[in-house]
């Protein structure tokens, strides 16, 4: 009887520990594309022709115009792919966007500047300033709970289209 109690307590403890994990599972339809509309501050995860989820987003601190140079505070515009993930992001979790592409690099080099990089979709944890409105250095921010879902749903190689 005592062994049964111990096993039940261990199962309950493991169940509670799993509830606190930032890593979620997803068993729904594949996300085939991400669409972001900067002017509306909206992002959609799309599966085929169906919208699977919609999110309100915060953008770079200079939200108008495409990212062109390192440090300009702008979020890129154009076609990219999800190319990496960071489970230890200082912003809870993050998934990387393939900025800069060849055209971005060529544009920046023609101006004698760096295009920058490290553009992610991420959460808000550990941000030490105001994270209201557009506050990132060019990334796309959602809530920590939302990035947990996005991280589970989106696979590397998923196309993302960022519209002005």
N, C-alpha and C. Protein backbone atom coordinates (compact mmCIF):
# COMPACT_ATOMS: atom_id res chain seq x y z
N UNK A 1 0.82 -1.20 0.00
CA UNK A 1 0.00 0.00 0.00
C UNK A 1 0.86 1.25 0.00
N UNK A 2 1.94 1.22 0.78
CA UNK A 2 2.85 2.36 0.83
C UNK A 2 3.52 2.59 -0.52
N UNK A 3 3.88 1.52 -1.21
CA UNK A 3 4.51 1.64 -2.52
C UNK A 3 3.55 2.27 -3.53
N UNK A 4 2.27 1.95 -3.42
CA UNK A 4 1.27 2.52 -4.32
C UNK A 4 1.17 4.02 -4.08
N UNK A 5 1.18 4.43 -2.81
CA UNK A 5 1.14 5.86 -2.48
C UNK A 5 2.35 6.61 -3.05
N UNK A 6 3.50 6.02 -2.91
CA UNK A 6 4.73 6.65 -3.41
C UNK A 6 4.66 6.80 -4.93
N UNK A 7 4.22 5.76 -5.60
CA UNK A 7 4.09 5.81 -7.06
C UNK A 7 3.08 6.88 -7.46
N UNK A 8 1.95 6.96 -6.78
CA UNK A 8 0.94 7.97 -7.08
C UNK A 8 1.48 9.38 -6.85
N UNK A 9 2.24 9.58 -5.78
CA UNK A 9 2.85 10.89 -5.51
C UNK A 9 3.86 11.25 -6.59
N UNK A 10 4.65 10.29 -7.03
CA UNK A 10 5.63 10.56 -8.09
C UNK A 10 4.93 10.91 -9.40
N UNK A 11 3.88 10.19 -9.73
CA UNK A 11 3.13 10.49 -10.95
C UNK A 11 2.52 11.88 -10.87
N UNK A 12 1.96 12.24 -9.73
CA UNK A 12 1.37 13.57 -9.56
C UNK A 12 2.44 14.65 -9.66
N UNK A 13 3.59 14.42 -9.06
CA UNK A 13 4.68 15.41 -9.12
C UNK A 13 5.17 15.59 -10.54
N UNK A 14 5.33 14.50 -11.27
CA UNK A 14 5.76 14.60 -12.66
C UNK A 14 4.71 15.32 -13.51
N UNK A 15 3.46 15.05 -13.25
CA UNK A 15 2.38 15.73 -13.98
C UNK A 15 2.40 17.22 -13.73
N UNK A 16 2.59 17.64 -12.49
CA UNK A 16 2.66 19.06 -12.16
C UNK A 16 3.89 19.70 -12.79
N UNK A 17 5.00 19.01 -12.77
CA UNK A 17 6.23 19.55 -13.37
C UNK A 17 6.05 19.75 -14.87
N UNK A 18 5.35 18.84 -15.52
CA UNK A 18 5.13 18.96 -16.96
C UNK A 18 4.26 20.17 -17.28
N UNK A 19 3.34 20.53 -16.38
CA UNK A 19 2.47 21.68 -16.61
C UNK A 19 3.26 22.98 -16.66
N UNK A 20 4.39 23.03 -15.98
CA UNK A 20 5.18 24.24 -15.93
C UNK A 20 6.20 24.35 -17.04
N UNK A 21 6.25 23.42 -17.94
CA UNK A 21 7.25 23.42 -19.00
C UNK A 21 6.90 24.44 -20.08
N UNK A 22 7.95 25.06 -20.62
CA UNK A 22 7.73 25.98 -21.74
C UNK A 22 7.65 25.24 -23.07
N UNK A 23 7.93 23.95 -23.05
CA UNK A 23 7.89 23.16 -24.28
C UNK A 23 6.55 22.45 -24.38
N UNK A 24 5.78 22.84 -25.36
CA UNK A 24 4.44 22.30 -25.56
C UNK A 24 4.46 21.33 -26.73
N UNK A 25 3.42 20.52 -26.82
CA UNK A 25 3.29 19.63 -27.97
C UNK A 25 2.15 20.13 -28.85
N UNK A 26 2.20 19.73 -30.09
CA UNK A 26 1.19 20.13 -31.06
C UNK A 26 0.92 18.96 -31.97
N UNK A 27 -0.35 18.62 -32.12
CA UNK A 27 -0.73 17.49 -32.95
C UNK A 27 -1.74 17.88 -34.03
N UNK A 28 -1.82 19.16 -34.34
CA UNK A 28 -2.78 19.64 -35.33
C UNK A 28 -2.21 19.64 -36.74
N UNK A 29 -2.90 20.32 -37.64
CA UNK A 29 -2.44 20.41 -39.03
C UNK A 29 -1.08 21.11 -39.12
N UNK A 30 -0.31 20.74 -40.13
CA UNK A 30 0.99 21.37 -40.35
C UNK A 30 0.83 22.85 -40.66
N UNK A 31 1.73 23.66 -40.10
CA UNK A 31 1.80 25.06 -40.48
C UNK A 31 2.61 25.11 -41.77
N UNK A 32 1.99 25.58 -42.84
CA UNK A 32 2.66 25.60 -44.14
C UNK A 32 3.21 26.98 -44.50
N UNK A 33 2.77 28.02 -43.77
CA UNK A 33 3.25 29.37 -44.02
C UNK A 33 2.92 30.26 -42.83
N UNK A 34 3.76 31.26 -42.63
CA UNK A 34 3.49 32.32 -41.65
C UNK A 34 3.32 33.59 -42.46
N UNK A 35 2.29 34.35 -42.15
CA UNK A 35 2.05 35.63 -42.80
C UNK A 35 2.03 36.70 -41.71
N UNK A 36 2.82 37.75 -41.91
CA UNK A 36 2.88 38.86 -40.96
C UNK A 36 2.54 40.14 -41.70
N UNK A 37 1.60 40.90 -41.16
CA UNK A 37 1.25 42.21 -41.71
C UNK A 37 1.70 43.26 -40.70
N UNK A 38 2.77 43.98 -41.04
CA UNK A 38 3.34 44.95 -40.11
C UNK A 38 2.38 46.09 -39.79
N UNK A 39 1.66 46.58 -40.79
CA UNK A 39 0.78 47.74 -40.55
C UNK A 39 -0.37 47.39 -39.61
N UNK A 40 -0.83 46.14 -39.64
CA UNK A 40 -1.90 45.70 -38.75
C UNK A 40 -1.40 45.10 -37.45
N UNK A 41 -0.06 44.88 -37.36
CA UNK A 41 0.54 44.23 -36.18
C UNK A 41 -0.11 42.87 -35.93
N UNK A 42 -0.29 42.10 -37.01
CA UNK A 42 -0.92 40.77 -36.94
C UNK A 42 -0.04 39.74 -37.61
N UNK A 43 -0.05 38.53 -37.03
CA UNK A 43 0.66 37.41 -37.62
C UNK A 43 -0.28 36.21 -37.62
N UNK A 44 -0.29 35.48 -38.74
CA UNK A 44 -1.13 34.32 -38.89
C UNK A 44 -0.28 33.10 -39.19
N UNK A 45 -0.60 31.98 -38.54
CA UNK A 45 -0.03 30.68 -38.88
C UNK A 45 -1.06 30.01 -39.78
N UNK A 46 -0.63 29.62 -40.96
CA UNK A 46 -1.53 29.10 -41.97
C UNK A 46 -1.19 27.65 -42.27
N UNK A 47 -2.23 26.83 -42.37
CA UNK A 47 -2.09 25.43 -42.77
C UNK A 47 -2.87 25.22 -44.05
N UNK A 48 -2.17 25.11 -45.16
CA UNK A 48 -2.86 25.00 -46.45
C UNK A 48 -3.54 26.32 -46.77
N UNK A 49 -4.87 26.32 -46.78
CA UNK A 49 -5.63 27.55 -47.05
C UNK A 49 -6.36 28.04 -45.80
N UNK A 50 -6.07 27.43 -44.67
CA UNK A 50 -6.79 27.71 -43.43
C UNK A 50 -5.90 28.47 -42.43
N UNK A 51 -6.46 29.48 -41.78
CA UNK A 51 -5.75 30.16 -40.69
C UNK A 51 -5.88 29.29 -39.44
N UNK A 52 -4.73 28.86 -38.92
CA UNK A 52 -4.73 28.02 -37.73
C UNK A 52 -4.71 28.84 -36.45
N UNK A 53 -3.96 29.94 -36.46
CA UNK A 53 -3.86 30.82 -35.29
C UNK A 53 -3.56 32.24 -35.75
N UNK A 54 -4.01 33.21 -34.98
CA UNK A 54 -3.74 34.62 -35.23
C UNK A 54 -3.14 35.23 -33.97
N UNK A 55 -2.15 36.11 -34.15
CA UNK A 55 -1.46 36.73 -33.02
C UNK A 55 -1.32 38.24 -33.24
N UNK A 56 -1.45 38.99 -32.16
CA UNK A 56 -1.05 40.39 -32.16
C UNK A 56 0.45 40.41 -31.91
N UNK A 57 1.19 41.29 -32.59
CA UNK A 57 2.64 41.31 -32.47
C UNK A 57 3.15 42.72 -32.19
N UNK A 58 4.32 42.78 -31.58
CA UNK A 58 5.10 44.01 -31.47
C UNK A 58 6.27 43.87 -32.43
N UNK A 59 6.72 44.99 -32.98
CA UNK A 59 7.77 44.98 -34.00
C UNK A 59 8.99 45.75 -33.51
N UNK A 60 9.90 46.01 -34.46
CA UNK A 60 11.06 46.83 -34.18
C UNK A 60 10.65 48.23 -33.77
N UNK A 61 11.52 48.90 -33.04
CA UNK A 61 11.20 50.24 -32.50
C UNK A 61 10.97 51.28 -33.58
N UNK A 62 11.40 50.99 -34.83
CA UNK A 62 11.10 51.84 -35.99
C UNK A 62 10.28 50.96 -36.93
N UNK A 63 8.95 50.94 -36.75
CA UNK A 63 8.14 49.94 -37.44
C UNK A 63 7.88 50.18 -38.92
N UNK A 64 8.07 51.39 -39.42
CA UNK A 64 7.75 51.69 -40.82
C UNK A 64 9.00 51.50 -41.69
N UNK A 65 8.82 50.78 -42.79
CA UNK A 65 9.92 50.55 -43.72
C UNK A 65 10.63 49.24 -43.46
N UNK A 66 11.29 48.72 -44.50
CA UNK A 66 11.99 47.44 -44.36
C UNK A 66 13.34 47.60 -43.67
N UNK A 67 13.76 46.56 -42.98
CA UNK A 67 15.09 46.54 -42.39
C UNK A 67 16.11 46.63 -43.52
N UNK A 68 17.10 47.50 -43.35
CA UNK A 68 18.12 47.66 -44.39
C UNK A 68 19.52 47.51 -43.81
N UNK A 69 19.72 47.98 -42.57
CA UNK A 69 21.06 48.02 -41.99
C UNK A 69 21.03 47.59 -40.53
N UNK A 70 22.15 47.07 -40.09
CA UNK A 70 22.29 46.72 -38.69
C UNK A 70 22.03 47.94 -37.81
N UNK A 71 21.22 47.75 -36.78
CA UNK A 71 20.96 48.82 -35.83
C UNK A 71 19.88 49.80 -36.23
N UNK A 72 19.18 49.58 -37.35
CA UNK A 72 18.16 50.55 -37.77
C UNK A 72 16.84 50.38 -37.03
N UNK A 73 16.70 49.32 -36.23
CA UNK A 73 15.50 49.12 -35.43
C UNK A 73 14.27 48.72 -36.21
N UNK A 74 14.45 48.31 -37.46
CA UNK A 74 13.31 47.96 -38.32
C UNK A 74 13.16 46.44 -38.43
N UNK A 75 11.93 46.03 -38.64
CA UNK A 75 11.62 44.62 -38.90
C UNK A 75 11.69 44.41 -40.41
N UNK A 76 12.31 43.31 -40.86
CA UNK A 76 12.42 43.07 -42.31
C UNK A 76 11.06 42.97 -42.99
N UNK A 77 11.07 43.13 -44.30
CA UNK A 77 9.90 42.91 -45.14
C UNK A 77 10.33 42.02 -46.29
N UNK A 78 9.48 41.08 -46.66
CA UNK A 78 9.81 40.19 -47.76
C UNK A 78 9.60 38.74 -47.41
N UNK A 79 10.14 37.86 -48.27
CA UNK A 79 9.98 36.42 -48.12
C UNK A 79 11.23 35.82 -47.48
N UNK A 80 11.02 35.07 -46.41
CA UNK A 80 12.10 34.42 -45.67
C UNK A 80 11.62 33.04 -45.26
N UNK A 81 12.43 32.31 -44.50
CA UNK A 81 12.02 31.03 -43.92
C UNK A 81 12.45 30.99 -42.46
N UNK A 82 11.79 30.13 -41.72
CA UNK A 82 12.22 29.86 -40.34
C UNK A 82 13.43 28.94 -40.46
N UNK A 83 14.56 29.38 -39.90
CA UNK A 83 15.79 28.61 -40.14
C UNK A 83 16.52 28.13 -38.88
N UNK A 84 16.01 28.45 -37.69
CA UNK A 84 16.66 27.98 -36.47
C UNK A 84 15.74 28.23 -35.29
N UNK A 85 16.09 27.62 -34.17
CA UNK A 85 15.32 27.84 -32.95
C UNK A 85 16.26 27.94 -31.77
N UNK A 86 15.86 28.72 -30.79
CA UNK A 86 16.68 28.92 -29.60
C UNK A 86 15.84 28.62 -28.37
N UNK A 87 16.03 27.43 -27.77
CA UNK A 87 15.26 27.09 -26.58
C UNK A 87 15.74 27.84 -25.33
N UNK A 88 16.90 28.47 -25.41
CA UNK A 88 17.47 29.19 -24.27
C UNK A 88 17.51 30.70 -24.50
N UNK A 89 16.61 31.21 -25.30
CA UNK A 89 16.55 32.62 -25.61
C UNK A 89 16.33 33.45 -24.36
N UNK A 90 16.93 34.62 -24.30
CA UNK A 90 16.66 35.51 -23.16
C UNK A 90 15.24 36.05 -23.23
N UNK A 91 14.56 35.81 -24.34
CA UNK A 91 13.17 36.21 -24.51
C UNK A 91 12.26 34.97 -24.47
N UNK A 92 12.54 34.07 -23.55
CA UNK A 92 11.76 32.86 -23.26
C UNK A 92 12.04 31.75 -24.28
N UNK A 93 11.56 31.86 -25.48
CA UNK A 93 11.85 30.96 -26.59
C UNK A 93 11.92 31.83 -27.84
N UNK A 94 12.61 31.35 -28.87
CA UNK A 94 12.62 32.12 -30.11
C UNK A 94 12.86 31.20 -31.30
N UNK A 95 12.31 31.63 -32.44
CA UNK A 95 12.57 30.95 -33.71
C UNK A 95 13.13 31.98 -34.69
N UNK A 96 14.19 31.58 -35.39
CA UNK A 96 14.92 32.50 -36.26
C UNK A 96 14.33 32.63 -37.65
N UNK A 97 14.47 33.84 -38.18
CA UNK A 97 14.05 34.16 -39.54
C UNK A 97 15.31 34.33 -40.38
N UNK A 98 15.30 33.87 -41.62
CA UNK A 98 16.50 33.80 -42.46
C UNK A 98 16.99 35.15 -42.99
N UNK A 99 16.62 36.24 -42.34
CA UNK A 99 17.17 37.55 -42.70
C UNK A 99 18.64 37.58 -42.29
N UNK A 100 19.55 38.09 -43.11
CA UNK A 100 19.36 38.71 -44.41
C UNK A 100 19.43 37.68 -45.55
N UNK A 101 18.64 37.92 -46.58
CA UNK A 101 18.75 37.09 -47.78
C UNK A 101 19.77 37.77 -48.72
N UNK A 102 19.98 37.20 -49.88
CA UNK A 102 21.00 37.73 -50.81
C UNK A 102 20.72 39.17 -51.21
N UNK A 103 19.45 39.50 -51.45
CA UNK A 103 19.10 40.87 -51.84
C UNK A 103 19.36 41.85 -50.70
N UNK A 104 19.08 41.44 -49.46
CA UNK A 104 19.33 42.29 -48.29
C UNK A 104 20.83 42.57 -48.14
N UNK A 105 21.64 41.53 -48.32
CA UNK A 105 23.09 41.68 -48.20
C UNK A 105 23.61 42.62 -49.30
N UNK A 106 23.16 42.42 -50.52
CA UNK A 106 23.62 43.25 -51.64
C UNK A 106 23.25 44.72 -51.42
N UNK A 107 22.05 44.98 -50.95
CA UNK A 107 21.60 46.35 -50.71
C UNK A 107 22.48 47.03 -49.66
N UNK A 108 22.71 46.33 -48.55
CA UNK A 108 23.52 46.90 -47.48
C UNK A 108 24.97 47.11 -47.93
N UNK A 109 25.53 46.12 -48.62
CA UNK A 109 26.92 46.24 -49.08
C UNK A 109 27.09 47.39 -50.06
N UNK A 110 26.09 47.63 -50.91
CA UNK A 110 26.15 48.74 -51.86
C UNK A 110 26.22 50.08 -51.12
N UNK A 111 25.66 50.12 -49.92
CA UNK A 111 25.70 51.34 -49.11
C UNK A 111 26.90 51.36 -48.16
N UNK A 112 27.72 50.30 -48.24
CA UNK A 112 28.89 50.22 -47.37
C UNK A 112 28.55 49.91 -45.92
N UNK A 113 27.43 49.22 -45.71
CA UNK A 113 26.99 48.92 -44.35
C UNK A 113 26.73 47.43 -44.19
N UNK A 114 26.51 47.01 -42.94
CA UNK A 114 26.12 45.64 -42.63
C UNK A 114 24.61 45.54 -42.62
N UNK A 115 24.05 44.43 -43.13
CA UNK A 115 22.60 44.29 -43.10
C UNK A 115 22.07 43.92 -41.71
N UNK A 116 22.95 43.51 -40.82
CA UNK A 116 22.49 43.02 -39.51
C UNK A 116 22.03 41.59 -39.63
N UNK A 117 21.39 41.11 -38.62
CA UNK A 117 20.92 39.73 -38.59
C UNK A 117 20.26 39.43 -37.27
N UNK A 118 20.19 38.16 -36.92
CA UNK A 118 19.57 37.71 -35.67
C UNK A 118 18.16 38.25 -35.50
N UNK A 119 17.33 38.05 -36.51
CA UNK A 119 15.93 38.44 -36.44
C UNK A 119 15.13 37.20 -36.04
N UNK A 120 14.33 37.34 -34.99
CA UNK A 120 13.59 36.22 -34.42
C UNK A 120 12.14 36.59 -34.16
N UNK A 121 11.31 35.56 -34.06
CA UNK A 121 10.01 35.67 -33.41
C UNK A 121 10.26 35.18 -32.00
N UNK A 122 9.92 35.99 -31.00
CA UNK A 122 10.24 35.60 -29.62
C UNK A 122 9.20 36.11 -28.64
N UNK A 123 9.36 35.65 -27.40
CA UNK A 123 8.49 36.08 -26.31
C UNK A 123 8.98 37.39 -25.70
N UNK A 124 8.53 37.67 -24.47
CA UNK A 124 8.85 38.94 -23.83
C UNK A 124 9.67 38.80 -22.55
N UNK A 125 9.91 37.60 -22.07
CA UNK A 125 10.62 37.44 -20.80
C UNK A 125 11.99 38.10 -20.81
N UNK A 126 12.38 38.57 -19.65
CA UNK A 126 13.72 39.12 -19.41
C UNK A 126 14.03 40.38 -20.18
N UNK A 127 13.03 41.02 -20.76
CA UNK A 127 13.27 42.31 -21.39
C UNK A 127 13.33 43.34 -20.27
N UNK A 128 14.36 44.12 -20.23
CA UNK A 128 14.59 45.02 -19.12
C UNK A 128 14.09 46.45 -19.36
N UNK A 129 13.34 46.67 -20.38
CA UNK A 129 12.82 48.00 -20.66
C UNK A 129 11.31 47.94 -20.79
N UNK A 130 10.76 48.84 -21.55
CA UNK A 130 9.31 48.80 -21.76
C UNK A 130 9.03 47.84 -22.90
N UNK A 131 8.19 46.89 -22.68
CA UNK A 131 7.82 46.04 -23.80
C UNK A 131 6.34 46.22 -24.08
N UNK A 132 6.03 47.46 -24.38
CA UNK A 132 4.70 47.84 -24.85
C UNK A 132 4.90 48.57 -26.15
N UNK A 133 4.01 48.34 -27.10
CA UNK A 133 4.20 48.96 -28.40
C UNK A 133 5.35 48.28 -29.13
N UNK A 134 5.96 48.99 -30.04
CA UNK A 134 7.07 48.44 -30.83
C UNK A 134 8.37 48.71 -30.09
N UNK A 135 9.02 47.65 -29.59
CA UNK A 135 10.15 47.81 -28.69
C UNK A 135 11.38 46.99 -29.07
N UNK A 136 11.27 46.10 -30.05
CA UNK A 136 12.41 45.22 -30.35
C UNK A 136 13.42 45.94 -31.24
N UNK A 137 14.51 45.28 -31.50
CA UNK A 137 15.54 45.83 -32.41
C UNK A 137 15.29 45.39 -33.85
N UNK A 138 14.12 44.84 -34.12
CA UNK A 138 13.76 44.38 -35.47
C UNK A 138 13.06 43.04 -35.45
N UNK A 139 12.99 42.44 -34.27
CA UNK A 139 12.33 41.15 -34.13
C UNK A 139 10.81 41.31 -34.05
N UNK A 140 10.15 40.17 -33.97
CA UNK A 140 8.69 40.10 -33.84
C UNK A 140 8.41 39.51 -32.47
N UNK A 141 7.71 40.25 -31.61
CA UNK A 141 7.46 39.78 -30.25
C UNK A 141 6.00 39.43 -30.03
N UNK A 142 5.78 38.34 -29.32
CA UNK A 142 4.47 37.88 -28.88
C UNK A 142 4.58 37.59 -27.39
N UNK A 143 3.50 37.19 -26.75
CA UNK A 143 3.59 36.85 -25.33
C UNK A 143 4.37 35.55 -25.16
N UNK A 144 4.84 35.31 -23.95
CA UNK A 144 5.58 34.07 -23.68
C UNK A 144 4.70 32.85 -23.95
N UNK A 145 3.46 32.90 -23.54
CA UNK A 145 2.55 31.77 -23.78
C UNK A 145 2.37 31.54 -25.28
N UNK A 146 2.25 32.61 -26.05
CA UNK A 146 2.08 32.48 -27.49
C UNK A 146 3.32 31.90 -28.16
N UNK A 147 4.52 32.32 -27.75
CA UNK A 147 5.73 31.77 -28.38
C UNK A 147 5.87 30.28 -28.06
N UNK A 148 5.36 29.85 -26.92
CA UNK A 148 5.37 28.42 -26.61
C UNK A 148 4.56 27.65 -27.66
N UNK A 149 3.39 28.18 -28.00
CA UNK A 149 2.56 27.53 -29.02
C UNK A 149 3.22 27.61 -30.39
N UNK A 150 3.73 28.77 -30.76
CA UNK A 150 4.38 28.95 -32.07
C UNK A 150 5.58 28.02 -32.18
N UNK A 151 6.39 27.94 -31.14
CA UNK A 151 7.58 27.09 -31.12
C UNK A 151 7.20 25.63 -31.37
N UNK A 152 6.07 25.20 -30.80
CA UNK A 152 5.61 23.82 -30.99
C UNK A 152 5.02 23.59 -32.38
N UNK A 153 4.36 24.60 -32.92
CA UNK A 153 3.62 24.43 -34.18
C UNK A 153 4.48 24.58 -35.43
N UNK A 154 5.47 25.47 -35.39
CA UNK A 154 6.21 25.85 -36.60
C UNK A 154 7.50 25.04 -36.70
N UNK A 155 7.77 24.53 -37.86
CA UNK A 155 8.99 23.74 -38.12
C UNK A 155 10.00 24.59 -38.88
N UNK A 156 11.28 24.25 -38.72
CA UNK A 156 12.31 24.88 -39.54
C UNK A 156 11.98 24.63 -41.01
N UNK A 157 12.23 25.63 -41.84
CA UNK A 157 11.91 25.54 -43.26
C UNK A 157 10.56 26.13 -43.61
N UNK A 158 9.76 26.49 -42.62
CA UNK A 158 8.45 27.09 -42.89
C UNK A 158 8.64 28.48 -43.49
N UNK A 159 8.02 28.78 -44.63
CA UNK A 159 8.14 30.11 -45.21
C UNK A 159 7.40 31.16 -44.37
N UNK A 160 7.97 32.36 -44.31
CA UNK A 160 7.33 33.49 -43.65
C UNK A 160 7.35 34.68 -44.61
N UNK A 161 6.19 35.25 -44.83
CA UNK A 161 6.07 36.43 -45.68
C UNK A 161 5.74 37.61 -44.78
N UNK A 162 6.59 38.62 -44.81
CA UNK A 162 6.41 39.82 -43.99
C UNK A 162 6.03 40.98 -44.90
N UNK A 163 4.79 41.42 -44.75
CA UNK A 163 4.28 42.52 -45.59
C UNK A 163 4.40 43.85 -44.84
N UNK A 164 4.55 44.96 -45.60
CA UNK A 164 4.66 46.29 -44.96
C UNK A 164 3.46 46.63 -44.09
